[in-house]
Amino acid sequence: MWDHTEHEGFEIWVLPIPAFGPRSPEPLFHYSGYICRHGADAHVEGRSIRFHDLMRNYIGPDAALDAAYADARERIDRFRATGSWAESHSG
């Protein structure tokens, strides 16, 4: 089920996704989500930013939600600082 919160004038919507693969003693999850301005129609092109993590495994849906919200907040904070949704890969 989709979960959401707000951060700095944006809505963050996230969905924990069960991880498929070999059996695990703990239920493993990934996440998918999107960021949009408050009240925007997120299904219209250009009105939302999609993000996901299908590589790492999180133990339980709550851990996946926590990771997704942290990821989204970092993206929003970077956008507010740079004016761009692009990730910086300087090193």
PDB file of N, CA and C in Angstrom:
ATOM      1  N   MET A   1       0.840  -1.171   0.000  1.00  0.00           N
ATOM      2  CA  MET A   1       0.000   0.000   0.000  1.00  0.00           C
ATOM      3  C   MET A   1       0.895   1.249   0.000  1.00  0.00           C
ATOM      4  N   TRP A   2       0.524   2.246  -0.782  1.00  0.00           N
ATOM      5  CA  TRP A   2       1.276   3.496  -0.869  1.00  0.00           C
ATOM      6  C   TRP A   2       1.208   4.248   0.456  1.00  0.00           C
ATOM      7  N   ASP A   3       2.316   4.868   0.812  1.00  0.00           N
ATOM      8  CA  ASP A   3       2.418   5.678   2.018  1.00  0.00           C
ATOM      9  C   ASP A   3       2.957   7.038   1.577  1.00  0.00           C
ATOM     10  N   HIS A   4       2.655   8.094   2.316  1.00  0.00           N
ATOM     11  CA  HIS A   4       3.169   9.394   1.899  1.00  0.00           C
ATOM     12  C   HIS A   4       3.427  10.316   3.078  1.00  0.00           C
ATOM     13  N   THR A   5       4.234  11.313   2.783  1.00  0.00           N
ATOM     14  CA  THR A   5       4.539  12.384   3.728  1.00  0.00           C
ATOM     15  C   THR A   5       4.865  13.627   2.907  1.00  0.00           C
ATOM     16  N   GLU A   6       5.158  14.729   3.576  1.00  0.00           N
ATOM     17  CA  GLU A   6       5.542  15.961   2.894  1.00  0.00           C
ATOM     18  C   GLU A   6       6.896  16.411   3.401  1.00  0.00           C
ATOM     19  N   HIS A   7       7.620  17.109   2.528  1.00  0.00           N
ATOM     20  CA  HIS A   7       8.929  17.656   2.893  1.00  0.00           C
ATOM     21  C   HIS A   7       9.197  18.881   2.042  1.00  0.00           C
ATOM     22  N   GLU A   8       9.402  20.025   2.685  1.00  0.00           N
ATOM     23  CA  GLU A   8       9.791  21.264   2.005  1.00  0.00           C
ATOM     24  C   GLU A   8       8.885  21.615   0.814  1.00  0.00           C
ATOM     25  N   GLY A   9       7.566  21.447   0.978  1.00  0.00           N
ATOM     26  CA  GLY A   9       6.631  21.818  -0.084  1.00  0.00           C
ATOM     27  C   GLY A   9       6.390  20.741  -1.135  1.00  0.00           C
ATOM     28  N   PHE A  10       6.948  19.573  -0.951  1.00  0.00           N
ATOM     29  CA  PHE A  10       6.767  18.462  -1.871  1.00  0.00           C
ATOM     30  C   PHE A  10       6.051  17.310  -1.172  1.00  0.00           C
ATOM     31  N   GLU A  11       5.319  16.534  -1.951  1.00  0.00           N
ATOM     32  CA  GLU A  11       4.749  15.280  -1.454  1.00  0.00           C
ATOM     33  C   GLU A  11       5.705  14.156  -1.836  1.00  0.00           C
ATOM     34  N   ILE A  12       5.886  13.219  -0.931  1.00  0.00           N
ATOM     35  CA  ILE A  12       6.696  12.028  -1.179  1.00  0.00           C
ATOM     36  C   ILE A  12       5.770  10.827  -1.035  1.00  0.00           C
ATOM     37  N   TRP A  13       5.662  10.043  -2.101  1.00  0.00           N
ATOM     38  CA  TRP A  13       4.838   8.838  -2.099  1.00  0.00           C
ATOM     39  C   TRP A  13       5.754   7.633  -2.289  1.00  0.00           C
ATOM     40  N   VAL A  14       5.639   6.638  -1.410  1.00  0.00           N
ATOM     41  CA  VAL A  14       6.502   5.457  -1.506  1.00  0.00           C
ATOM     42  C   VAL A  14       5.701   4.172  -1.337  1.00  0.00           C
ATOM     43  N   LEU A  15       6.213   3.136  -1.974  1.00  0.00           N
ATOM     44  CA  LEU A  15       5.586   1.815  -1.939  1.00  0.00           C
ATOM     45  C   LEU A  15       6.659   0.774  -1.644  1.00  0.00           C
ATOM     46  N   PRO A  16       6.573   0.078  -0.497  1.00  0.00           N
ATOM     47  CA  PRO A  16       7.496  -1.023  -0.258  1.00  0.00           C
ATOM     48  C   PRO A  16       7.111  -2.188  -1.178  1.00  0.00           C
ATOM     49  N   ILE A  17       8.109  -2.808  -1.781  1.00  0.00           N
ATOM     50  CA  ILE A  17       7.874  -3.894  -2.736  1.00  0.00           C
ATOM     51  C   ILE A  17       8.534  -5.161  -2.212  1.00  0.00           C
ATOM     52  N   PRO A  18       7.782  -6.255  -2.067  1.00  0.00           N
ATOM     53  CA  PRO A  18       8.419  -7.498  -1.618  1.00  0.00           C
ATOM     54  C   PRO A  18       9.517  -7.928  -2.595  1.00  0.00           C
ATOM     55  N   ALA A  19      10.653  -8.320  -2.046  1.00  0.00           N
ATOM     56  CA  ALA A  19      11.766  -8.798  -2.866  1.00  0.00           C
ATOM     57  C   ALA A  19      11.543 -10.268  -3.181  1.00  0.00           C
ATOM     58  N   PHE A  20      11.741 -10.624  -4.433  1.00  0.00           N
ATOM     59  CA  PHE A  20      11.601 -12.007  -4.840  1.00  0.00           C
ATOM     60  C   PHE A  20      12.977 -12.610  -4.997  1.00  0.00           C
ATOM     61  N   GLY A  21      13.103 -13.854  -4.630  1.00  0.00           N
ATOM     62  CA  GLY A  21      14.390 -14.536  -4.729  1.00  0.00           C
ATOM     63  C   GLY A  21      14.413 -15.704  -3.762  1.00  0.00           C
ATOM     64  N   PRO A  22      15.610 -16.149  -3.431  1.00  0.00           N
ATOM     65  CA  PRO A  22      15.720 -17.275  -2.494  1.00  0.00           C
ATOM     66  C   PRO A  22      15.053 -16.945  -1.163  1.00  0.00           C
ATOM     67  N   ARG A  23      14.569 -17.963  -0.508  1.00  0.00           N
ATOM     68  CA  ARG A  23      13.911 -17.753   0.788  1.00  0.00           C
ATOM     69  C   ARG A  23      14.868 -17.112   1.776  1.00  0.00           C
ATOM     70  N   SER A  24      14.299 -16.291   2.623  1.00  0.00           N
ATOM     71  CA  SER A  24      15.065 -15.583   3.633  1.00  0.00           C
ATOM     72  C   SER A  24      14.335 -15.732   4.964  1.00  0.00           C
ATOM     73  N   PRO A  25      15.087 -15.803   6.077  1.00  0.00           N
ATOM     74  CA  PRO A  25      14.409 -15.904   7.380  1.00  0.00           C
ATOM     75  C   PRO A  25      13.624 -14.641   7.722  1.00  0.00           C
ATOM     76  N   GLU A  26      13.965 -13.518   7.094  1.00  0.00           N
ATOM     77  CA  GLU A  26      13.270 -12.245   7.301  1.00  0.00           C
ATOM     78  C   GLU A  26      12.610 -11.835   5.988  1.00  0.00           C
ATOM     79  N   PRO A  27      11.442 -11.194   6.037  1.00  0.00           N
ATOM     80  CA  PRO A  27      10.845 -10.708   4.789  1.00  0.00           C
ATOM     81  C   PRO A  27      11.652  -9.527   4.240  1.00  0.00           C
ATOM     82  N   LEU A  28      12.080  -9.624   2.993  1.00  0.00           N
ATOM     83  CA  LEU A  28      12.908  -8.595   2.376  1.00  0.00           C
ATOM     84  C   LEU A  28      12.085  -7.728   1.428  1.00  0.00           C
ATOM     85  N   PHE A  29      12.429  -6.441   1.367  1.00  0.00           N
ATOM     86  CA  PHE A  29      11.692  -5.483   0.555  1.00  0.00           C
ATOM     87  C   PHE A  29      12.636  -4.543  -0.189  1.00  0.00           C
ATOM     88  N   HIS A  30      12.130  -3.994  -1.284  1.00  0.00           N
ATOM     89  CA  HIS A  30      12.735  -2.897  -2.022  1.00  0.00           C
ATOM     90  C   HIS A  30      11.735  -1.744  -1.919  1.00  0.00           C
ATOM     91  N   TYR A  31      11.966  -0.657  -2.678  1.00  0.00           N
ATOM     92  CA  TYR A  31      10.966   0.407  -2.702  1.00  0.00           C
ATOM     93  C   TYR A  31      10.918   1.099  -4.047  1.00  0.00           C
ATOM     94  N   SER A  32       9.778   1.726  -4.290  1.00  0.00           N
ATOM     95  CA  SER A  32       9.569   2.590  -5.436  1.00  0.00           C
ATOM     96  C   SER A  32       8.807   3.804  -4.932  1.00  0.00           C
ATOM     97  N   GLY A  33       9.011   4.940  -5.584  1.00  0.00           N
ATOM     98  CA  GLY A  33       8.302   6.120  -5.127  1.00  0.00           C
ATOM     99  C   GLY A  33       8.349   7.249  -6.135  1.00  0.00           C
ATOM    100  N   TYR A  34       7.703   8.330  -5.776  1.00  0.00           N
ATOM    101  CA  TYR A  34       7.762   9.534  -6.591  1.00  0.00           C
ATOM    102  C   TYR A  34       7.619  10.760  -5.707  1.00  0.00           C
ATOM    103  N   ILE A  35       8.121  11.867  -6.244  1.00  0.00           N
ATOM    104  CA  ILE A  35       8.082  13.166  -5.581  1.00  0.00           C
ATOM    105  C   ILE A  35       7.307  14.107  -6.493  1.00  0.00           C
ATOM    106  N   CYS A  36       6.418  14.894  -5.918  1.00  0.00           N
ATOM    107  CA  CYS A  36       5.699  15.896  -6.707  1.00  0.00           C
ATOM    108  C   CYS A  36       5.387  17.096  -5.825  1.00  0.00           C
ATOM    109  N   ARG A  37       5.058  18.202  -6.465  1.00  0.00           N
ATOM    110  CA  ARG A  37       4.617  19.377  -5.716  1.00  0.00           C
ATOM    111  C   ARG A  37       3.271  19.055  -5.087  1.00  0.00           C
ATOM    112  N   HIS A  38       2.992  19.693  -3.981  1.00  0.00           N
ATOM    113  CA  HIS A  38       1.727  19.471  -3.289  1.00  0.00           C
ATOM    114  C   HIS A  38       0.560  19.749  -4.240  1.00  0.00           C
ATOM    115  N   GLY A  39      -0.327  18.784  -4.394  1.00  0.00           N
ATOM    116  CA  GLY A  39      -1.516  18.932  -5.210  1.00  0.00           C
ATOM    117  C   GLY A  39      -1.323  18.698  -6.696  1.00  0.00           C
ATOM    118  N   ALA A  40      -0.098  18.394  -7.147  1.00  0.00           N
ATOM    119  CA  ALA A  40       0.146  18.173  -8.580  1.00  0.00           C
ATOM    120  C   ALA A  40      -0.454  16.850  -9.024  1.00  0.00           C
ATOM    121  N   ASP A  41      -0.819  16.771 -10.290  1.00  0.00           N
ATOM    122  CA  ASP A  41      -1.275  15.511 -10.872  1.00  0.00           C
ATOM    123  C   ASP A  41      -0.027  14.730 -11.275  1.00  0.00           C
ATOM    124  N   ALA A  42       0.393  13.824 -10.437  1.00  0.00           N
ATOM    125  CA  ALA A  42       1.661  13.111 -10.618  1.00  0.00           C
ATOM    126  C   ALA A  42       1.678  12.216 -11.848  1.00  0.00           C
ATOM    127  N   HIS A  43       0.525  11.961 -12.449  1.00  0.00           N
ATOM    128  CA  HIS A  43       0.466  11.093 -13.631  1.00  0.00           C
ATOM    129  C   HIS A  43       0.701  11.858 -14.931  1.00  0.00           C
ATOM    130  N   VAL A  44       0.732  13.183 -14.855  1.00  0.00           N
ATOM    131  CA  VAL A  44       0.998  14.002 -16.031  1.00  0.00           C
ATOM    132  C   VAL A  44       2.512  14.130 -16.181  1.00  0.00           C
ATOM    133  N   GLU A  45       2.992  13.920 -17.389  1.00  0.00           N
ATOM    134  CA  GLU A  45       4.430  13.972 -17.650  1.00  0.00           C
ATOM    135  C   GLU A  45       5.032  15.288 -17.172  1.00  0.00           C
ATOM    136  N   GLY A  46       6.159  15.182 -16.492  1.00  0.00           N
ATOM    137  CA  GLY A  46       6.859  16.355 -16.011  1.00  0.00           C
ATOM    138  C   GLY A  46       6.385  16.874 -14.663  1.00  0.00           C
ATOM    139  N   ARG A  47       5.366  16.260 -14.093  1.00  0.00           N
ATOM    140  CA  ARG A  47       4.834  16.738 -12.819  1.00  0.00           C
ATOM    141  C   ARG A  47       5.377  15.979 -11.613  1.00  0.00           C
ATOM    142  N   SER A  48       6.151  14.905 -11.855  1.00  0.00           N
ATOM    143  CA  SER A  48       6.699  14.138 -10.738  1.00  0.00           C
ATOM    144  C   SER A  48       8.063  13.576 -11.107  1.00  0.00           C
ATOM    145  N   ILE A  49       8.810  13.228 -10.093  1.00  0.00           N
ATOM    146  CA  ILE A  49      10.111  12.597 -10.240  1.00  0.00           C
ATOM    147  C   ILE A  49      10.001  11.202  -9.638  1.00  0.00           C
ATOM    148  N   ARG A  50      10.295  10.189 -10.421  1.00  0.00           N
ATOM    149  CA  ARG A  50      10.233   8.802  -9.947  1.00  0.00           C
ATOM    150  C   ARG A  50      11.597   8.370  -9.417  1.00  0.00           C
ATOM    151  N   PHE A  51      11.593   7.522  -8.413  1.00  0.00           N
ATOM    152  CA  PHE A  51      12.834   6.958  -7.886  1.00  0.00           C
ATOM    153  C   PHE A  51      12.541   5.573  -7.318  1.00  0.00           C
ATOM    154  N   HIS A  52      13.567   4.745  -7.223  1.00  0.00           N
ATOM    155  CA  HIS A  52      13.394   3.400  -6.674  1.00  0.00           C
ATOM    156  C   HIS A  52      14.743   2.819  -6.280  1.00  0.00           C
ATOM    157  N   ASP A  53      14.694   1.790  -5.486  1.00  0.00           N
ATOM    158  CA  ASP A  53      15.880   1.016  -5.148  1.00  0.00           C
ATOM    159  C   ASP A  53      15.474  -0.447  -5.204  1.00  0.00           C
ATOM    160  N   LEU A  54      15.883  -1.083  -6.272  1.00  0.00           N
ATOM    161  CA  LEU A  54      15.573  -2.504  -6.464  1.00  0.00           C
ATOM    162  C   LEU A  54      16.816  -3.368  -6.286  1.00  0.00           C
ATOM    163  N   MET A  55      17.916  -2.769  -5.822  1.00  0.00           N
ATOM    164  CA  MET A  55      19.167  -3.497  -5.646  1.00  0.00           C
ATOM    165  C   MET A  55      19.380  -3.929  -4.199  1.00  0.00           C
ATOM    166  N   ARG A  56      19.160  -3.008  -3.277  1.00  0.00           N
ATOM    167  CA  ARG A  56      19.379  -3.334  -1.862  1.00  0.00           C
ATOM    168  C   ARG A  56      18.144  -4.025  -1.299  1.00  0.00           C
ATOM    169  N   ASN A  57      18.371  -4.863  -0.303  1.00  0.00           N
ATOM    170  CA  ASN A  57      17.275  -5.521   0.403  1.00  0.00           C
ATOM    171  C   ASN A  57      17.115  -4.880   1.773  1.00  0.00           C
ATOM    172  N   TYR A  58      15.880  -4.576   2.119  1.00  0.00           N
ATOM    173  CA  TYR A  58      15.562  -4.016   3.422  1.00  0.00           C
ATOM    174  C   TYR A  58      14.726  -5.043   4.179  1.00  0.00           C
ATOM    175  N   ILE A  59      15.031  -5.212   5.454  1.00  0.00           N
ATOM    176  CA  ILE A  59      14.320  -6.204   6.261  1.00  0.00           C
ATOM    177  C   ILE A  59      13.007  -5.594   6.731  1.00  0.00           C
ATOM    178  N   GLY A  60      11.930  -6.013   6.096  1.00  0.00           N
ATOM    179  CA  GLY A  60      10.592  -5.543   6.437  1.00  0.00           C
ATOM    180  C   GLY A  60      10.197  -4.281   5.689  1.00  0.00           C
ATOM    181  N   PRO A  61       8.897  -4.059   5.558  1.00  0.00           N
ATOM    182  CA  PRO A  61       8.402  -2.891   4.831  1.00  0.00           C
ATOM    183  C   PRO A  61       8.738  -1.568   5.512  1.00  0.00           C
ATOM    184  N   ASP A  62       8.810  -1.545   6.839  1.00  0.00           N
ATOM    185  CA  ASP A  62       9.121  -0.293   7.535  1.00  0.00           C
ATOM    186  C   ASP A  62      10.535   0.181   7.225  1.00  0.00           C
ATOM    187  N   ALA A  63      11.485  -0.740   7.140  1.00  0.00           N
ATOM    188  CA  ALA A  63      12.862  -0.367   6.796  1.00  0.00           C
ATOM    189  C   ALA A  63      12.926   0.163   5.366  1.00  0.00           C
ATOM    190  N   ALA A  64      12.155  -0.442   4.464  1.00  0.00           N
ATOM    191  CA  ALA A  64      12.113   0.043   3.086  1.00  0.00           C
ATOM    192  C   ALA A  64      11.503   1.445   3.032  1.00  0.00           C
ATOM    193  N   LEU A  65      10.444   1.687   3.789  1.00  0.00           N
ATOM    194  CA  LEU A  65       9.835   3.019   3.838  1.00  0.00           C
ATOM    195  C   LEU A  65      10.819   4.052   4.378  1.00  0.00           C
ATOM    196  N   ASP A  66      11.518   3.707   5.459  1.00  0.00           N
ATOM    197  CA  ASP A  66      12.495   4.638   6.035  1.00  0.00           C
ATOM    198  C   ASP A  66      13.575   4.998   5.018  1.00  0.00           C
ATOM    199  N   ALA A  67      14.088   4.000   4.304  1.00  0.00           N
ATOM    200  CA  ALA A  67      15.125   4.238   3.298  1.00  0.00           C
ATOM    201  C   ALA A  67      14.584   5.090   2.153  1.00  0.00           C
ATOM    202  N   ALA A  68      13.359   4.820   1.732  1.00  0.00           N
ATOM    203  CA  ALA A  68      12.751   5.574   0.631  1.00  0.00           C
ATOM    204  C   ALA A  68      12.551   7.033   1.019  1.00  0.00           C
ATOM    205  N   TYR A  69      12.059   7.280   2.230  1.00  0.00           N
ATOM    206  CA  TYR A  69      11.859   8.660   2.671  1.00  0.00           C
ATOM    207  C   TYR A  69      13.194   9.397   2.790  1.00  0.00           C
ATOM    208  N   ALA A  70      14.225   8.732   3.289  1.00  0.00           N
ATOM    209  CA  ALA A  70      15.547   9.357   3.382  1.00  0.00           C
ATOM    210  C   ALA A  70      16.065   9.698   1.988  1.00  0.00           C
ATOM    211  N   ASP A  71      15.911   8.779   1.043  1.00  0.00           N
ATOM    212  CA  ASP A  71      16.326   9.001  -0.343  1.00  0.00           C
ATOM    213  C   ASP A  71      15.589  10.205  -0.925  1.00  0.00           C
ATOM    214  N   ALA A  72      14.283  10.252  -0.760  1.00  0.00           N
ATOM    215  CA  ALA A  72      13.472  11.346  -1.312  1.00  0.00           C
ATOM    216  C   ALA A  72      13.835  12.686  -0.687  1.00  0.00           C
ATOM    217  N   ARG A  73      14.034  12.715   0.628  1.00  0.00           N
ATOM    218  CA  ARG A  73      14.397  13.975   1.284  1.00  0.00           C
ATOM    219  C   ARG A  73      15.740  14.489   0.774  1.00  0.00           C
ATOM    220  N   GLU A  74      16.690  13.573   0.571  1.00  0.00           N
ATOM    221  CA  GLU A  74      17.989  13.982   0.010  1.00  0.00           C
ATOM    222  C   GLU A  74      17.811  14.562  -1.387  1.00  0.00           C
ATOM    223  N   ARG A  75      16.967  13.943  -2.202  1.00  0.00           N
ATOM    224  CA  ARG A  75      16.712  14.441  -3.561  1.00  0.00           C
ATOM    225  C   ARG A  75      16.078  15.832  -3.529  1.00  0.00           C
ATOM    226  N   ILE A  76      15.111  16.023  -2.641  1.00  0.00           N
ATOM    227  CA  ILE A  76      14.446  17.322  -2.522  1.00  0.00           C
ATOM    228  C   ILE A  76      15.440  18.375  -2.036  1.00  0.00           C
ATOM    229  N   ASP A  77      16.222  18.051  -1.030  1.00  0.00           N
ATOM    230  CA  ASP A  77      17.198  19.007  -0.506  1.00  0.00           C
ATOM    231  C   ASP A  77      18.232  19.369  -1.570  1.00  0.00           C
ATOM    232  N   ARG A  78      18.684  18.395  -2.357  1.00  0.00           N
ATOM    233  CA  ARG A  78      19.632  18.657  -3.443  1.00  0.00           C
ATOM    234  C   ARG A  78      18.982  19.559  -4.501  1.00  0.00           C
ATOM    235  N   PHE A  79      17.701  19.283  -4.820  1.00  0.00           N
ATOM    236  CA  PHE A  79      16.980  20.115  -5.791  1.00  0.00           C
ATOM    237  C   PHE A  79      16.892  21.562  -5.305  1.00  0.00           C
ATOM    238  N   ARG A  80      16.561  21.728  -4.036  1.00  0.00           N
ATOM    239  CA  ARG A  80      16.429  23.080  -3.491  1.00  0.00           C
ATOM    240  C   ARG A  80      17.776  23.805  -3.489  1.00  0.00           C
ATOM    241  N   ALA A  81      18.871  23.063  -3.321  1.00  0.00           N
ATOM    242  CA  ALA A  81      20.201  23.680  -3.291  1.00  0.00           C
ATOM    243  C   ALA A  81      20.744  23.981  -4.688  1.00  0.00           C
ATOM    244  N   THR A  82      20.407  23.122  -5.675  1.00  0.00           N
ATOM    245  CA  THR A  82      21.014  23.251  -7.008  1.00  0.00           C
ATOM    246  C   THR A  82      20.036  23.662  -8.097  1.00  0.00           C
ATOM    247  N   GLY A  83      18.728  23.470  -7.853  1.00  0.00           N
ATOM    248  CA  GLY A  83      17.735  23.763  -8.885  1.00  0.00           C
ATOM    249  C   GLY A  83      17.619  22.670  -9.931  1.00  0.00           C
ATOM    250  N   SER A  84      18.247  21.515  -9.668  1.00  0.00           N
ATOM    251  CA  SER A  84      18.226  20.409 -10.629  1.00  0.00           C
ATOM    252  C   SER A  84      17.936  19.100  -9.905  1.00  0.00           C
ATOM    253  N   TRP A  85      17.208  18.224 -10.601  1.00  0.00           N
ATOM    254  CA  TRP A  85      16.939  16.895 -10.039  1.00  0.00           C
ATOM    255  C   TRP A  85      18.083  15.926 -10.329  1.00  0.00           C
ATOM    256  N   ALA A  86      19.004  16.321 -11.208  1.00  0.00           N
ATOM    257  CA  ALA A  86      20.112  15.442 -11.573  1.00  0.00           C
ATOM    258  C   ALA A  86      21.023  15.198 -10.368  1.00  0.00           C
ATOM    259  N   GLU A  87      21.504  13.960 -10.272  1.00  0.00           N
ATOM    260  CA  GLU A  87      22.421  13.632  -9.192  1.00  0.00           C
ATOM    261  C   GLU A  87      23.820  14.111  -9.529  1.00  0.00           C
ATOM    262  N   SER A  88      24.496  14.638  -8.548  1.00  0.00           N
ATOM    263  CA  SER A  88      25.881  15.081  -8.727  1.00  0.00           C
ATOM    264  C   SER A  88      26.799  13.907  -8.472  1.00  0.00           C
ATOM    265  N   HIS A  89      27.718  13.650  -9.394  1.00  0.00           N
ATOM    266  CA  HIS A  89      28.661  12.548  -9.238  1.00  0.00           C
ATOM    267  C   HIS A  89      30.078  13.061  -9.172  1.00  0.00           C
ATOM    268  N   SER A  90      30.266  14.195  -8.517  1.00  0.00           N
ATOM    269  CA  SER A  90      31.622  14.744  -8.395  1.00  0.00           C
ATOM    270  C   SER A  90      32.399  13.946  -7.359  1.00  0.00           C
ATOM    271  N   GLY A  91      33.663  13.876  -7.523  1.00  0.00           N
ATOM    272  CA  GLY A  91      34.428  13.095  -6.558  1.00  0.00           C
ATOM    273  C   GLY A  91      35.783  13.506  -6.564  1.00  0.00           C
TER     274      GLY A  91
END
